[in-house]
Amino acid sequence: MWGLMVYDSIKAIDYLQTRDDIDPRRIATLGMSMGSTMAWWLAALDER
C-alpha cells in the first residue's frame, strides 16, 4: 500500500510538470504526521 501511495505522488509530480502554469523547478513536498513521512520518502525516491 505504501508503495502505491508514493507512486501516486510521483505521478502527481509528473502531471504538474506538464502544466504551463506550474514552474517545474519550484515543486516541493510537505506533510504532517504520516504526510511528513510520505514527503520524506517522495523526496528520497524522486531525484527531481
N, C-alpha and C. Protein backbone atom coordinates (compact mmCIF):
# COMPACT_ATOMS: atom_id res chain seq x y z
N MET A 1 0.81 -1.19 0.00
CA MET A 1 0.00 0.00 0.00
C MET A 1 0.86 1.27 0.00
N TRP A 2 1.91 1.27 0.84
CA TRP A 2 2.76 2.45 0.92
C TRP A 2 3.42 2.75 -0.43
N GLY A 3 3.87 1.71 -1.10
CA GLY A 3 4.49 1.89 -2.42
C GLY A 3 3.54 2.52 -3.42
N LEU A 4 2.27 2.14 -3.37
CA LEU A 4 1.27 2.73 -4.26
C LEU A 4 1.06 4.21 -3.95
N MET A 5 1.09 4.55 -2.67
CA MET A 5 0.90 5.95 -2.29
C MET A 5 2.08 6.80 -2.78
N VAL A 6 3.29 6.28 -2.65
CA VAL A 6 4.47 7.00 -3.15
C VAL A 6 4.40 7.11 -4.67
N TYR A 7 4.00 6.05 -5.32
CA TYR A 7 3.85 6.05 -6.78
C TYR A 7 2.84 7.12 -7.22
N ASP A 8 1.72 7.21 -6.53
CA ASP A 8 0.72 8.24 -6.84
C ASP A 8 1.31 9.64 -6.71
N SER A 9 2.13 9.86 -5.70
CA SER A 9 2.75 11.17 -5.51
C SER A 9 3.73 11.48 -6.64
N ILE A 10 4.48 10.49 -7.06
CA ILE A 10 5.42 10.67 -8.18
C ILE A 10 4.65 11.00 -9.46
N LYS A 11 3.54 10.31 -9.69
CA LYS A 11 2.73 10.58 -10.88
C LYS A 11 2.08 11.97 -10.80
N ALA A 12 1.75 12.43 -9.60
CA ALA A 12 1.21 13.78 -9.45
C ALA A 12 2.25 14.81 -9.86
N ILE A 13 3.51 14.59 -9.51
CA ILE A 13 4.58 15.49 -9.94
C ILE A 13 4.74 15.44 -11.46
N ASP A 14 4.66 14.24 -12.03
CA ASP A 14 4.71 14.12 -13.50
C ASP A 14 3.65 14.99 -14.15
N TYR A 15 2.43 14.93 -13.61
CA TYR A 15 1.34 15.73 -14.17
C TYR A 15 1.60 17.22 -13.99
N LEU A 16 2.02 17.62 -12.81
CA LEU A 16 2.27 19.05 -12.56
C LEU A 16 3.32 19.60 -13.51
N GLN A 17 4.31 18.80 -13.85
CA GLN A 17 5.35 19.27 -14.76
C GLN A 17 4.85 19.49 -16.18
N THR A 18 3.72 18.92 -16.54
CA THR A 18 3.18 19.11 -17.89
C THR A 18 2.35 20.38 -18.01
N ARG A 19 1.98 20.98 -16.90
CA ARG A 19 1.12 22.18 -16.91
C ARG A 19 1.94 23.44 -17.19
N ASP A 20 1.37 24.31 -18.00
CA ASP A 20 2.05 25.56 -18.35
C ASP A 20 2.06 26.56 -17.20
N ASP A 21 1.10 26.45 -16.29
CA ASP A 21 1.02 27.42 -15.19
C ASP A 21 1.82 27.00 -13.95
N ILE A 22 2.62 25.95 -14.07
CA ILE A 22 3.46 25.46 -12.96
C ILE A 22 4.92 25.57 -13.34
N ASP A 23 5.73 26.13 -12.46
CA ASP A 23 7.17 26.17 -12.66
C ASP A 23 7.75 24.85 -12.12
N PRO A 24 8.21 23.96 -13.00
CA PRO A 24 8.66 22.64 -12.55
C PRO A 24 9.88 22.67 -11.63
N ARG A 25 10.60 23.78 -11.61
CA ARG A 25 11.77 23.89 -10.73
C ARG A 25 11.37 24.25 -9.31
N ARG A 26 10.09 24.56 -9.09
CA ARG A 26 9.65 25.02 -7.77
C ARG A 26 8.60 24.11 -7.13
N ILE A 27 8.55 22.86 -7.55
CA ILE A 27 7.63 21.91 -6.95
C ILE A 27 8.28 21.36 -5.68
N ALA A 28 7.51 21.32 -4.60
CA ALA A 28 8.03 20.84 -3.32
C ALA A 28 7.03 19.87 -2.70
N THR A 29 7.44 19.23 -1.64
CA THR A 29 6.56 18.34 -0.91
C THR A 29 6.61 18.69 0.57
N LEU A 30 5.46 18.53 1.23
CA LEU A 30 5.33 18.92 2.63
C LEU A 30 4.23 18.06 3.24
N GLY A 31 4.35 17.77 4.50
CA GLY A 31 3.30 17.00 5.15
C GLY A 31 3.41 17.05 6.66
N MET A 32 2.35 16.59 7.29
CA MET A 32 2.31 16.48 8.75
C MET A 32 1.97 15.03 9.10
N SER A 33 2.54 14.53 10.17
CA SER A 33 2.29 13.18 10.65
C SER A 33 2.67 12.18 9.55
N MET A 34 1.73 11.35 9.10
CA MET A 34 2.05 10.39 8.05
C MET A 34 2.42 11.10 6.75
N GLY A 35 1.86 12.27 6.53
CA GLY A 35 2.20 13.05 5.34
C GLY A 35 3.65 13.48 5.31
N SER A 36 4.22 13.73 6.49
CA SER A 36 5.64 14.10 6.53
C SER A 36 6.52 12.91 6.16
N THR A 37 6.10 11.72 6.58
CA THR A 37 6.83 10.52 6.18
C THR A 37 6.72 10.31 4.68
N MET A 38 5.54 10.55 4.12
CA MET A 38 5.34 10.44 2.68
C MET A 38 6.20 11.46 1.94
N ALA A 39 6.25 12.70 2.44
CA ALA A 39 7.07 13.73 1.82
C ALA A 39 8.54 13.35 1.85
N TRP A 40 8.97 12.77 2.96
CA TRP A 40 10.37 12.35 3.10
C TRP A 40 10.70 11.24 2.10
N TRP A 41 9.84 10.25 1.99
CA TRP A 41 10.05 9.16 1.03
C TRP A 41 10.03 9.67 -0.41
N LEU A 42 9.09 10.54 -0.69
CA LEU A 42 8.98 11.09 -2.05
C LEU A 42 10.25 11.85 -2.42
N ALA A 43 10.73 12.69 -1.51
CA ALA A 43 11.95 13.45 -1.77
C ALA A 43 13.16 12.52 -1.93
N ALA A 44 13.17 11.41 -1.20
CA ALA A 44 14.29 10.47 -1.30
C ALA A 44 14.25 9.67 -2.59
N LEU A 45 13.06 9.35 -3.07
CA LEU A 45 12.94 8.45 -4.24
C LEU A 45 12.85 9.18 -5.58
N ASP A 46 12.46 10.44 -5.56
CA ASP A 46 12.33 11.19 -6.80
C ASP A 46 13.46 12.20 -6.89
N GLU A 47 14.32 12.05 -7.87
CA GLU A 47 15.53 12.88 -7.97
C GLU A 47 15.28 14.26 -8.55
N ARG A 48 14.05 14.57 -8.92
CA ARG A 48 13.79 15.90 -9.47
C ARG A 48 13.89 16.89 -8.36
